[in-house]
Amino acid sequence: MCFLCDLKSPSPETPRPEHVWSARRAFLLAGTAAAAGAALPAAAQVDVGEGSQLRKLVPADELEGAAGQQYGQMMAEAKAKNVLMPDSAPQVQRLRSIARRIIPYTPQWNSRAPQWKWEVNLIQSAQINAFCMPGGKIAFYTGILEKLALSDDETAMIMGHEMAHALREHARSRVAKSGATSAVLSIGAQLLGLGQLGDVAANLGTQLLTLKFSREDETEADLVGLELAARSAYQPRASVTLWQKMAANSGGSNASFLSTHPSGPERIRQLEANLPKVQGLYEQARKG
């Protein structure tokens, strides 16, 4: 899926990718931390349990820094190929509007979220795909919006789902599990200051966009994304119609999203079972 160069620590004389990209950095929500202070219901309505403790073996700031660098490279390459949609494009404005509504509700799921420099961009591609990297770096492909004819509610469900992967730190857990089971990492190094695990995040290459999440990760992202969207006044039932559309397009040659997010009756049943839990949040948000 990814057409990026491998991540490497830039030398002092080499411009960092984010500097290359900074000339038209599209969407930095520096002000969302204040917005995130808005009153929230006391507890989550969906039950996803505790996150994996193994993720703590990989420093969050290193992983988020690596993600930011990789994202900057990706956007710079997209711009060079004239496939990065401009800020003025209606679909870009639409995506950023949806993000602005959801982001204030993210701190409930991750205490680091208010410090993230959220970005949302759109890449012109036939791929049915979207992602959110650690640290809030979001990208959609035009194919997922156009081929599925997504409503704003359905788009919010995808965005909430991808944000949830970042908020629940699924990539961090996957990297930790991969590193912790590698023969080159000793238990002693893990216990005495993490050792090589502390360097894993800085040498990920393209792995951040190719990590395969577990079924449990996907369920968590579905439910957390559902709640995020409902709190933001997006219709919860759109989660069901979204995955029905995904299922109908599962045989497409450009369905990259479905290679890592398989659709199926059980996924839809789980979402339907959780609709009543978030319906009140949606109705409250609509009134607000």
Protein backbone atom coordinates (compact mmCIF):
# COMPACT_ATOMS: atom_id res chain seq x y z
CA MET A 1 0.00 0.00 0.00
CA CYS A 2 2.76 2.40 0.84
CA PHE A 3 4.99 4.04 -1.75
CA LEU A 4 7.35 5.64 0.76
CA CYS A 5 11.06 5.46 1.27
CA ASP A 6 12.29 3.75 4.43
CA LEU A 7 12.42 5.87 7.55
CA LYS A 8 15.91 6.98 8.50
CA SER A 9 17.20 9.51 10.95
CA PRO A 10 18.06 12.55 8.77
CA SER A 11 21.55 13.92 8.94
CA PRO A 12 22.01 17.56 9.99
CA GLU A 13 22.61 18.62 6.40
CA THR A 14 19.62 16.72 5.03
CA PRO A 15 16.31 18.63 5.14
CA ARG A 16 13.78 16.78 7.24
CA PRO A 17 10.71 15.63 5.25
CA GLU A 18 8.46 17.69 7.48
CA HIS A 19 10.47 20.77 6.53
CA VAL A 20 9.97 19.94 2.86
CA TRP A 21 6.28 19.57 3.54
CA SER A 22 5.94 22.61 5.80
CA ALA A 23 5.55 24.97 2.83
CA ARG A 24 1.98 23.79 2.44
CA ARG A 25 1.34 21.79 5.60
CA ALA A 26 -2.33 21.37 5.22
CA PHE A 27 -4.06 20.79 8.49
CA LEU A 28 -2.49 21.42 11.87
CA LEU A 29 -5.11 21.62 14.57
CA ALA A 30 -2.93 23.33 17.14
CA GLY A 31 -6.00 24.80 18.75
CA THR A 32 -7.86 21.59 19.35
CA ALA A 33 -6.34 21.04 22.78
CA ALA A 34 -8.49 23.84 24.13
CA ALA A 35 -11.53 22.50 22.31
CA ALA A 36 -10.85 19.12 23.85
CA GLY A 37 -11.60 20.59 27.24
CA ALA A 38 -15.29 20.57 26.42
CA ALA A 39 -17.45 18.66 28.88
CA LEU A 40 -17.78 14.98 28.05
CA PRO A 41 -20.00 12.28 29.49
CA ALA A 42 -18.19 10.71 32.41
CA ALA A 43 -17.66 7.27 30.95
CA ALA A 44 -17.34 5.53 27.63
CA GLN A 45 -20.48 3.80 26.47
CA VAL A 46 -18.76 1.01 24.53
CA ASP A 47 -16.70 -1.61 26.32
CA VAL A 48 -13.26 -2.29 24.85
CA GLY A 49 -11.32 -3.04 28.03
CA GLU A 50 -7.76 -2.00 28.76
CA GLY A 51 -5.18 -1.52 26.04
CA SER A 52 -2.24 -3.88 25.69
CA GLN A 53 0.39 -3.22 28.35
CA LEU A 54 3.06 -4.52 26.00
CA ARG A 55 2.83 -1.29 23.99
CA LYS A 56 4.73 0.48 26.78
CA LEU A 57 7.89 -1.27 25.62
CA VAL A 58 8.01 1.13 22.66
CA PRO A 59 8.30 4.85 23.53
CA ALA A 60 5.20 6.68 22.29
CA ASP A 61 7.05 9.87 21.40
CA GLU A 62 9.54 7.97 19.21
CA LEU A 63 6.80 6.12 17.39
CA GLU A 64 4.79 9.30 16.84
CA GLY A 65 7.90 11.10 15.62
CA ALA A 66 8.63 8.30 13.17
CA ALA A 67 5.03 8.41 11.98
CA GLY A 68 5.19 12.17 11.47
CA GLN A 69 8.34 11.82 9.41
CA GLN A 70 6.90 9.05 7.29
CA TYR A 71 3.67 10.98 6.77
CA GLY A 72 5.64 14.04 5.69
CA GLN A 73 7.52 11.94 3.14
CA MET A 74 4.28 10.51 1.85
CA MET A 75 2.64 13.90 1.40
CA ALA A 76 5.76 15.32 -0.26
CA GLU A 77 5.80 12.44 -2.73
CA ALA A 78 2.08 12.81 -3.40
CA LYS A 79 2.56 16.51 -4.06
CA ALA A 80 5.47 15.82 -6.41
CA LYS A 81 3.26 13.41 -8.36
CA ASN A 82 0.40 15.94 -8.47
CA VAL A 83 -1.93 13.59 -6.62
CA LEU A 84 -2.16 15.55 -3.36
CA MET A 85 -5.51 17.30 -3.42
CA PRO A 86 -5.28 21.05 -2.71
CA ASP A 87 -6.56 22.69 0.45
CA SER A 88 -9.33 24.34 -1.56
CA ALA A 89 -10.78 21.07 -2.88
CA PRO A 90 -14.33 20.53 -1.57
CA GLN A 91 -13.59 16.96 -0.51
CA VAL A 92 -10.54 18.11 1.47
CA GLN A 93 -12.62 20.74 3.23
CA ARG A 94 -15.28 18.13 3.91
CA LEU A 95 -12.81 15.73 5.52
CA ARG A 96 -11.27 18.44 7.68
CA SER A 97 -14.69 19.61 8.81
CA ILE A 98 -15.52 16.08 9.94
CA ALA A 99 -12.18 15.83 11.74
CA ARG A 100 -12.75 19.11 13.57
CA ARG A 101 -15.97 17.73 14.99
CA ILE A 102 -14.43 14.46 16.16
CA ILE A 103 -11.04 15.55 17.52
CA PRO A 104 -12.35 17.29 20.68
CA TYR A 105 -13.60 13.89 21.89
CA THR A 106 -10.34 12.01 21.43
CA PRO A 107 -8.63 12.78 24.80
CA GLN A 108 -11.07 10.47 26.56
CA TRP A 109 -9.36 7.60 24.74
CA ASN A 110 -5.75 8.78 24.91
CA SER A 111 -4.23 11.39 27.20
CA ARG A 112 -1.60 12.25 24.56
CA ALA A 113 -4.22 13.26 21.98
CA PRO A 114 -4.38 16.96 22.96
CA GLN A 115 -0.67 17.29 22.12
CA TRP A 116 -0.96 15.62 18.72
CA LYS A 117 -0.63 17.86 15.68
CA TRP A 118 -3.54 16.43 13.76
CA GLU A 119 -3.41 16.52 9.98
CA VAL A 120 -5.89 15.43 7.33
CA ASN A 121 -5.09 15.14 3.65
CA LEU A 122 -6.61 13.58 0.56
CA ILE A 123 -4.69 11.69 -2.12
CA GLN A 124 -6.04 11.18 -5.60
CA SER A 125 -6.00 7.41 -6.11
CA ALA A 126 -8.40 4.67 -7.13
CA GLN A 127 -7.56 2.80 -3.94
CA ILE A 128 -10.35 2.22 -1.44
CA ASN A 129 -8.24 3.21 1.51
CA ALA A 130 -7.74 5.52 4.49
CA PHE A 131 -5.51 5.53 7.56
CA CYS A 132 -4.53 7.41 10.70
CA MET A 133 -0.91 7.04 11.81
CA PRO A 134 0.28 7.40 15.42
CA GLY A 135 0.14 11.04 16.45
CA GLY A 136 -2.98 11.87 14.42
CA LYS A 137 -1.70 11.83 10.82
CA ILE A 138 -4.74 11.07 8.66
CA ALA A 139 -5.03 10.43 4.93
CA PHE A 140 -7.94 9.41 2.74
CA TYR A 141 -7.82 8.27 -0.87
CA THR A 142 -10.37 9.62 -3.32
CA GLY A 143 -11.33 6.07 -4.27
CA ILE A 144 -12.90 5.32 -0.89
CA LEU A 145 -15.05 8.46 -1.05
CA GLU A 146 -16.09 8.12 -4.67
CA LYS A 147 -16.45 4.39 -5.23
CA LEU A 148 -18.46 3.88 -2.06
CA ALA A 149 -20.39 7.16 -2.47
CA LEU A 150 -19.92 7.84 1.22
CA SER A 151 -22.22 10.16 3.12
CA ASP A 152 -20.73 12.46 5.77
CA ASP A 153 -21.97 10.05 8.45
CA GLU A 154 -20.27 7.08 6.79
CA THR A 155 -17.08 9.06 6.23
CA ALA A 156 -17.09 9.97 9.92
CA MET A 157 -17.31 6.28 10.79
CA ILE A 158 -14.18 5.55 8.76
CA MET A 159 -12.38 8.52 10.24
CA GLY A 160 -13.41 7.57 13.76
CA HIS A 161 -12.31 3.99 13.16
CA GLU A 162 -8.88 5.04 11.90
CA MET A 163 -8.45 7.58 14.70
CA ALA A 164 -9.32 4.81 17.15
CA HIS A 165 -6.41 2.69 15.90
CA ALA A 166 -4.09 5.59 16.78
CA LEU A 167 -5.81 6.41 20.06
CA ARG A 168 -5.75 2.80 21.24
CA GLU A 169 -2.11 2.62 20.11
CA HIS A 170 -2.58 -0.53 18.08
CA ALA A 171 0.50 0.16 15.96
CA ARG A 172 2.57 0.65 19.10
CA SER A 173 1.33 -2.69 20.44
CA ARG A 174 2.00 -4.48 17.14
CA VAL A 175 5.54 -3.09 16.97
CA ALA A 176 6.17 -4.06 20.60
CA LYS A 177 4.88 -7.59 20.07
CA SER A 178 6.95 -8.00 16.95
CA GLY A 179 10.07 -6.66 18.64
CA ALA A 180 9.55 -8.57 21.85
CA THR A 181 9.40 -11.88 20.02
CA SER A 182 12.39 -11.17 17.78
CA ALA A 183 15.46 -13.31 18.36
CA VAL A 184 17.72 -10.25 18.34
CA LEU A 185 16.10 -8.75 21.44
CA SER A 186 16.97 -10.19 24.83
CA ILE A 187 14.74 -10.14 27.88
CA GLY A 188 17.58 -8.53 29.79
CA ALA A 189 17.67 -5.59 27.38
CA GLN A 190 13.94 -5.12 27.82
CA LEU A 191 14.27 -5.04 31.58
CA LEU A 192 17.28 -2.72 31.67
CA GLY A 193 15.91 0.33 29.90
CA LEU A 194 14.27 -1.33 26.89
CA GLY A 195 17.51 -1.74 24.95
CA GLN A 196 16.88 -2.23 21.26
CA LEU A 197 13.13 -1.94 21.70
CA GLY A 198 13.66 1.73 22.39
CA ASP A 199 15.14 2.10 18.90
CA VAL A 200 12.50 0.12 17.06
CA ALA A 201 10.27 3.13 16.45
CA ALA A 202 13.03 5.05 14.71
CA ASN A 203 13.71 2.26 12.20
CA LEU A 204 10.26 1.23 11.04
CA GLY A 205 10.59 1.89 7.34
CA THR A 206 7.18 1.47 5.77
CA GLN A 207 5.90 -0.82 8.50
CA LEU A 208 3.55 1.71 10.05
CA LEU A 209 1.28 1.48 7.02
CA THR A 210 1.61 -2.27 6.55
CA LEU A 211 1.12 -3.50 10.12
CA LYS A 212 -1.72 -5.98 10.23
CA PHE A 213 -4.01 -5.41 13.16
CA SER A 214 -5.63 -8.27 15.03
CA ARG A 215 -9.33 -9.04 15.01
CA GLU A 216 -9.47 -7.65 18.55
CA ASP A 217 -7.83 -4.42 17.37
CA GLU A 218 -10.37 -4.11 14.58
CA THR A 219 -13.28 -4.65 16.96
CA GLU A 220 -11.91 -2.00 19.33
CA ALA A 221 -11.48 0.46 16.45
CA ASP A 222 -15.02 -0.22 15.23
CA LEU A 223 -16.55 0.44 18.64
CA VAL A 224 -14.38 3.39 19.69
CA GLY A 225 -14.85 4.94 16.24
CA LEU A 226 -18.59 4.43 16.52
CA GLU A 227 -18.66 6.27 19.84
CA LEU A 228 -16.41 9.09 18.62
CA ALA A 229 -18.66 9.67 15.63
CA ALA A 230 -21.84 9.50 17.71
CA ARG A 231 -20.49 12.07 20.18
CA SER A 232 -19.79 14.28 17.18
CA ALA A 233 -23.42 14.11 16.02
CA TYR A 234 -22.93 11.57 13.23
CA GLN A 235 -25.64 8.97 12.78
CA PRO A 236 -24.57 5.69 14.45
CA ARG A 237 -26.44 3.52 11.95
CA ALA A 238 -24.07 4.79 9.27
CA SER A 239 -21.53 2.33 10.68
CA VAL A 240 -23.75 -0.49 9.45
CA THR A 241 -24.45 0.97 6.01
CA LEU A 242 -20.72 1.68 5.65
CA TRP A 243 -19.72 -1.93 6.17
CA GLN A 244 -22.54 -3.12 3.96
CA LYS A 245 -21.02 -0.98 1.20
CA MET A 246 -17.58 -2.36 2.05
CA ALA A 247 -18.88 -5.92 1.75
CA ALA A 248 -20.44 -5.14 -1.61
CA ASN A 249 -17.08 -3.86 -2.86
CA SER A 250 -14.91 -6.53 -1.27
CA GLY A 251 -13.99 -8.05 -4.63
CA GLY A 252 -12.56 -4.85 -6.08
CA SER A 253 -8.94 -4.83 -7.20
CA ASN A 254 -8.28 -1.52 -5.44
CA ALA A 255 -9.91 -2.39 -2.12
CA SER A 256 -6.72 -1.92 -0.08
CA PHE A 257 -8.74 -0.98 2.99
CA LEU A 258 -10.46 -4.35 2.94
CA SER A 259 -7.20 -6.28 2.88
CA THR A 260 -6.58 -5.13 6.45
CA HIS A 261 -10.20 -4.43 7.44
CA PRO A 262 -12.17 -7.46 6.23
CA SER A 263 -15.91 -7.01 6.18
CA GLY A 264 -18.34 -9.68 7.20
CA PRO A 265 -21.68 -10.41 8.88
CA GLU A 266 -20.09 -10.69 12.35
CA ARG A 267 -18.58 -7.22 12.08
CA ILE A 268 -21.95 -5.77 11.17
CA ARG A 269 -23.68 -7.72 13.96
CA GLN A 270 -21.26 -6.34 16.55
CA LEU A 271 -21.89 -2.81 15.38
CA GLU A 272 -25.66 -3.30 15.40
CA ALA A 273 -25.46 -4.65 18.95
CA ASN A 274 -23.68 -1.50 20.07
CA LEU A 275 -25.93 1.03 18.34
CA PRO A 276 -28.25 1.38 21.38
CA LYS A 277 -25.26 2.16 23.60
CA VAL A 278 -24.33 5.27 21.61
CA GLN A 279 -27.73 6.40 20.34
CA GLY A 280 -28.19 8.64 23.39
CA LEU A 281 -24.81 10.29 22.74
CA TYR A 282 -25.86 11.00 19.17
CA GLU A 283 -29.20 12.47 20.21
CA GLN A 284 -27.52 14.62 22.87
CA ALA A 285 -24.97 15.86 20.34
CA ARG A 286 -27.71 16.70 17.82
CA LYS A 287 -29.46 18.85 20.40
CA GLY A 288 -26.23 20.62 21.30
